[in-house]
Amino acid sequence: MKDERQEIEILPPDKEHDAQPSSRIWISANGGEVKFVKLGPFGAFILAAGMLALLGMGFFFLTSLFFILAPIIAILGAGAYLSGLIGMGPLKRLR
């Protein structure tokens, strides 16, 4: 199969084109299509909010283990210390 290359056509902005004003840009390579669409203000806001939500969830899940385990370990440690002071617990010496 011969690789057929086409010339790129650059259309100046001051001349009228045959394309409709609502047309979108389509690029095709190897049978696949990629569509580029200009985002409006609402679309850009939704995209930014989604990226911020993903970043926030990643930060939350990476740090949540520390925030959950630190108080649990502190409570267990305080309980072990207090039980040692009053003479209770599994590590009490048998007399």
N, C-alpha and C. Protein backbone atom coordinates (compact mmCIF):
# COMPACT_ATOMS: atom_id res chain seq x y z
N MET A 1 0.83 -1.17 0.00
CA MET A 1 0.00 0.00 0.00
C MET A 1 0.88 1.25 0.00
N LYS A 2 0.52 2.16 -0.82
CA LYS A 2 1.27 3.40 -0.94
C LYS A 2 0.73 4.42 0.05
N ASP A 3 1.64 5.09 0.72
CA ASP A 3 1.25 6.13 1.67
C ASP A 3 0.86 7.38 0.91
N GLU A 4 -0.40 7.70 0.94
CA GLU A 4 -0.88 8.88 0.22
C GLU A 4 -0.92 10.07 1.17
N ARG A 5 -0.16 11.07 0.83
CA ARG A 5 -0.12 12.27 1.66
C ARG A 5 -0.88 13.38 0.94
N GLN A 6 -1.62 14.13 1.72
CA GLN A 6 -2.36 15.23 1.16
C GLN A 6 -1.73 16.54 1.61
N GLU A 7 -1.87 17.54 0.79
CA GLU A 7 -1.34 18.84 1.14
C GLU A 7 -2.27 19.52 2.15
N ILE A 8 -1.69 20.27 3.05
CA ILE A 8 -2.46 21.00 4.04
C ILE A 8 -2.97 22.28 3.41
N GLU A 9 -4.25 22.53 3.58
CA GLU A 9 -4.85 23.73 3.02
C GLU A 9 -5.05 24.74 4.14
N ILE A 10 -4.44 25.90 4.01
CA ILE A 10 -4.57 26.96 5.00
C ILE A 10 -5.52 28.01 4.43
N LEU A 11 -6.60 28.23 5.13
CA LEU A 11 -7.60 29.19 4.68
C LEU A 11 -7.43 30.50 5.43
N PRO A 12 -7.22 31.61 4.73
CA PRO A 12 -7.08 32.89 5.43
C PRO A 12 -8.40 33.30 6.08
N PRO A 13 -8.33 34.00 7.22
CA PRO A 13 -9.56 34.34 7.94
C PRO A 13 -10.42 35.38 7.25
N ASP A 14 -9.86 36.15 6.33
CA ASP A 14 -10.66 37.22 5.73
C ASP A 14 -11.48 36.75 4.53
N LYS A 15 -11.29 35.56 4.04
CA LYS A 15 -12.05 35.06 2.90
C LYS A 15 -13.15 34.12 3.37
N GLU A 16 -14.24 34.07 2.61
CA GLU A 16 -15.34 33.18 2.97
C GLU A 16 -15.01 31.75 2.51
N HIS A 17 -15.54 30.80 3.26
CA HIS A 17 -15.27 29.40 3.00
C HIS A 17 -16.58 28.71 2.63
N ASP A 18 -16.45 27.53 2.07
CA ASP A 18 -17.64 26.73 1.78
C ASP A 18 -18.17 26.05 3.03
N ALA A 19 -17.36 25.96 4.07
CA ALA A 19 -17.77 25.27 5.30
C ALA A 19 -18.82 26.09 6.04
N GLN A 20 -19.66 25.41 6.75
CA GLN A 20 -20.68 26.08 7.55
C GLN A 20 -20.04 26.64 8.82
N PRO A 21 -20.60 27.72 9.37
CA PRO A 21 -19.98 28.31 10.57
C PRO A 21 -20.06 27.40 11.80
N SER A 22 -20.97 26.43 11.82
CA SER A 22 -21.09 25.57 12.99
C SER A 22 -20.28 24.29 12.85
N SER A 23 -19.41 24.21 11.83
CA SER A 23 -18.65 22.98 11.63
C SER A 23 -17.55 22.86 12.69
N ARG A 24 -17.17 21.64 12.94
CA ARG A 24 -16.11 21.35 13.91
C ARG A 24 -14.88 20.85 13.15
N ILE A 25 -13.76 20.78 13.84
CA ILE A 25 -12.53 20.30 13.23
C ILE A 25 -12.46 18.79 13.42
N TRP A 26 -12.24 18.07 12.34
CA TRP A 26 -12.10 16.62 12.40
C TRP A 26 -10.74 16.24 11.86
N ILE A 27 -10.06 15.36 12.57
CA ILE A 27 -8.77 14.86 12.13
C ILE A 27 -8.87 13.34 12.09
N SER A 28 -8.46 12.75 10.99
CA SER A 28 -8.54 11.30 10.86
C SER A 28 -7.15 10.76 10.58
N ALA A 29 -6.74 9.73 11.32
CA ALA A 29 -5.45 9.09 11.10
C ALA A 29 -5.62 7.60 11.33
N ASN A 30 -5.26 6.81 10.36
CA ASN A 30 -5.34 5.35 10.45
C ASN A 30 -6.75 4.87 10.78
N GLY A 31 -7.75 5.50 10.28
CA GLY A 31 -9.12 5.06 10.47
C GLY A 31 -9.77 5.56 11.75
N GLY A 32 -9.01 6.12 12.69
CA GLY A 32 -9.58 6.66 13.92
C GLY A 32 -9.88 8.14 13.75
N GLU A 33 -10.77 8.64 14.56
CA GLU A 33 -11.12 10.06 14.46
C GLU A 33 -10.91 10.74 15.80
N VAL A 34 -10.41 11.94 15.74
CA VAL A 34 -10.23 12.77 16.92
C VAL A 34 -11.00 14.05 16.67
N LYS A 35 -11.85 14.42 17.61
CA LYS A 35 -12.66 15.62 17.44
C LYS A 35 -12.22 16.66 18.46
N PHE A 36 -11.90 17.84 17.98
CA PHE A 36 -11.53 18.95 18.85
C PHE A 36 -12.71 19.90 18.94
N VAL A 37 -13.15 20.17 20.14
CA VAL A 37 -14.28 21.06 20.34
C VAL A 37 -13.84 22.16 21.30
N LYS A 38 -14.14 23.39 20.94
CA LYS A 38 -13.80 24.51 21.82
C LYS A 38 -14.77 24.51 23.00
N LEU A 39 -14.20 24.57 24.21
CA LEU A 39 -15.03 24.57 25.41
C LEU A 39 -15.56 25.97 25.69
N GLY A 40 -16.78 26.02 26.12
CA GLY A 40 -17.36 27.28 26.56
C GLY A 40 -17.05 27.50 28.03
N PRO A 41 -17.53 28.57 28.62
CA PRO A 41 -17.25 28.83 30.03
C PRO A 41 -17.83 27.77 30.96
N PHE A 42 -19.04 27.27 30.66
CA PHE A 42 -19.64 26.25 31.52
C PHE A 42 -18.88 24.93 31.41
N GLY A 43 -18.49 24.55 30.19
CA GLY A 43 -17.73 23.32 29.99
C GLY A 43 -16.37 23.38 30.67
N ALA A 44 -15.71 24.54 30.58
CA ALA A 44 -14.42 24.71 31.23
C ALA A 44 -14.57 24.64 32.75
N PHE A 45 -15.66 25.21 33.28
CA PHE A 45 -15.91 25.15 34.72
C PHE A 45 -16.14 23.71 35.17
N ILE A 46 -16.93 22.95 34.41
CA ILE A 46 -17.20 21.55 34.76
C ILE A 46 -15.92 20.73 34.69
N LEU A 47 -15.10 20.95 33.68
CA LEU A 47 -13.82 20.24 33.56
C LEU A 47 -12.90 20.57 34.73
N ALA A 48 -12.80 21.84 35.08
CA ALA A 48 -11.94 22.25 36.20
C ALA A 48 -12.48 21.69 37.52
N ALA A 49 -13.80 21.69 37.70
CA ALA A 49 -14.38 21.14 38.93
C ALA A 49 -14.13 19.64 39.02
N GLY A 50 -14.22 18.93 37.90
CA GLY A 50 -13.93 17.50 37.89
C GLY A 50 -12.49 17.20 38.23
N MET A 51 -11.57 17.97 37.65
CA MET A 51 -10.14 17.76 37.95
C MET A 51 -9.84 18.09 39.41
N LEU A 52 -10.47 19.15 39.93
CA LEU A 52 -10.28 19.50 41.33
C LEU A 52 -10.85 18.42 42.25
N ALA A 53 -11.98 17.84 41.87
CA ALA A 53 -12.57 16.76 42.67
C ALA A 53 -11.66 15.54 42.67
N LEU A 54 -11.10 15.19 41.52
CA LEU A 54 -10.17 14.05 41.47
C LEU A 54 -8.93 14.31 42.32
N LEU A 55 -8.40 15.51 42.24
CA LEU A 55 -7.23 15.86 43.04
C LEU A 55 -7.57 15.82 44.53
N GLY A 56 -8.73 16.35 44.89
CA GLY A 56 -9.15 16.34 46.30
C GLY A 56 -9.37 14.93 46.82
N MET A 57 -9.99 14.06 46.01
CA MET A 57 -10.21 12.68 46.46
C MET A 57 -8.89 11.95 46.61
N GLY A 58 -7.96 12.19 45.69
CA GLY A 58 -6.64 11.57 45.82
C GLY A 58 -5.94 12.01 47.09
N PHE A 59 -5.97 13.30 47.36
CA PHE A 59 -5.35 13.81 48.59
C PHE A 59 -6.05 13.24 49.82
N PHE A 60 -7.38 13.19 49.78
CA PHE A 60 -8.13 12.67 50.92
C PHE A 60 -7.81 11.21 51.19
N PHE A 61 -7.80 10.39 50.16
CA PHE A 61 -7.56 8.96 50.37
C PHE A 61 -6.12 8.66 50.73
N LEU A 62 -5.18 9.48 50.27
CA LEU A 62 -3.79 9.25 50.64
C LEU A 62 -3.50 9.66 52.08
N THR A 63 -4.19 10.68 52.55
CA THR A 63 -3.93 11.14 53.92
C THR A 63 -4.92 10.62 54.93
N SER A 64 -6.02 10.05 54.47
CA SER A 64 -7.06 9.63 55.42
C SER A 64 -6.61 8.48 56.30
N LEU A 65 -5.75 7.63 55.80
CA LEU A 65 -5.28 6.51 56.62
C LEU A 65 -4.56 7.03 57.86
N PHE A 66 -3.74 8.06 57.71
CA PHE A 66 -3.06 8.63 58.86
C PHE A 66 -4.04 9.27 59.82
N PHE A 67 -5.01 10.02 59.27
CA PHE A 67 -5.97 10.71 60.12
C PHE A 67 -6.91 9.76 60.84
N ILE A 68 -7.12 8.58 60.29
CA ILE A 68 -7.97 7.59 60.96
C ILE A 68 -7.16 6.79 61.97
N LEU A 69 -5.96 6.38 61.61
CA LEU A 69 -5.18 5.50 62.48
C LEU A 69 -4.51 6.25 63.64
N ALA A 70 -4.14 7.50 63.46
CA ALA A 70 -3.46 8.23 64.53
C ALA A 70 -4.32 8.35 65.78
N PRO A 71 -5.59 8.75 65.71
CA PRO A 71 -6.40 8.80 66.93
C PRO A 71 -6.66 7.42 67.53
N ILE A 72 -6.83 6.41 66.68
CA ILE A 72 -7.06 5.06 67.20
C ILE A 72 -5.84 4.57 67.97
N ILE A 73 -4.67 4.78 67.44
CA ILE A 73 -3.44 4.37 68.13
C ILE A 73 -3.25 5.17 69.42
N ALA A 74 -3.58 6.46 69.38
CA ALA A 74 -3.46 7.28 70.59
C ALA A 74 -4.43 6.80 71.67
N ILE A 75 -5.66 6.46 71.30
CA ILE A 75 -6.64 5.97 72.28
C ILE A 75 -6.21 4.62 72.85
N LEU A 76 -5.74 3.73 71.99
CA LEU A 76 -5.27 2.42 72.48
C LEU A 76 -4.05 2.57 73.39
N GLY A 77 -3.15 3.46 73.03
CA GLY A 77 -1.98 3.69 73.87
C GLY A 77 -2.35 4.29 75.21
N ALA A 78 -3.27 5.26 75.19
CA ALA A 78 -3.71 5.86 76.46
C ALA A 78 -4.44 4.83 77.31
N GLY A 79 -5.25 3.96 76.68
CA GLY A 79 -5.94 2.90 77.42
C GLY A 79 -4.96 1.92 78.04
N ALA A 80 -3.91 1.56 77.31
CA ALA A 80 -2.90 0.64 77.84
C ALA A 80 -2.14 1.29 78.99
N TYR A 81 -1.83 2.56 78.87
CA TYR A 81 -1.13 3.26 79.95
C TYR A 81 -1.99 3.34 81.21
N LEU A 82 -3.26 3.73 81.03
CA LEU A 82 -4.15 3.84 82.20
C LEU A 82 -4.42 2.49 82.84
N SER A 83 -4.56 1.43 82.04
CA SER A 83 -4.78 0.11 82.61
C SER A 83 -3.54 -0.37 83.35
N GLY A 84 -2.37 0.06 82.90
CA GLY A 84 -1.15 -0.28 83.63
C GLY A 84 -1.06 0.46 84.96
N LEU A 85 -1.57 1.69 85.02
CA LEU A 85 -1.55 2.46 86.26
C LEU A 85 -2.47 1.86 87.32
N ILE A 86 -3.60 1.37 86.90
CA ILE A 86 -4.55 0.85 87.89
C ILE A 86 -4.40 -0.65 88.11
N GLY A 87 -3.43 -1.27 87.47
CA GLY A 87 -3.14 -2.67 87.75
C GLY A 87 -4.01 -3.66 87.00
N MET A 88 -4.53 -3.29 85.87
CA MET A 88 -5.33 -4.21 85.07
C MET A 88 -4.60 -4.52 83.77
N GLY A 89 -5.13 -5.45 83.01
CA GLY A 89 -4.60 -5.71 81.69
C GLY A 89 -3.89 -7.04 81.60
N PRO A 90 -3.58 -7.46 80.40
CA PRO A 90 -2.96 -8.77 80.21
C PRO A 90 -1.49 -8.81 80.63
N LEU A 91 -0.84 -7.67 80.80
CA LEU A 91 0.58 -7.65 81.15
C LEU A 91 0.79 -7.47 82.66
N LYS A 92 -0.24 -7.66 83.45
CA LYS A 92 -0.14 -7.53 84.90
C LYS A 92 0.67 -8.69 85.47
N ARG A 93 1.54 -8.39 86.42
CA ARG A 93 2.34 -9.45 87.03
C ARG A 93 1.48 -10.29 87.95
N LEU A 94 1.72 -11.56 87.91
CA LEU A 94 1.00 -12.45 88.81
C LEU A 94 1.74 -12.47 90.14
N ARG A 95 1.02 -12.33 91.27
CA ARG A 95 1.67 -12.30 92.58
C ARG A 95 1.39 -13.55 93.35
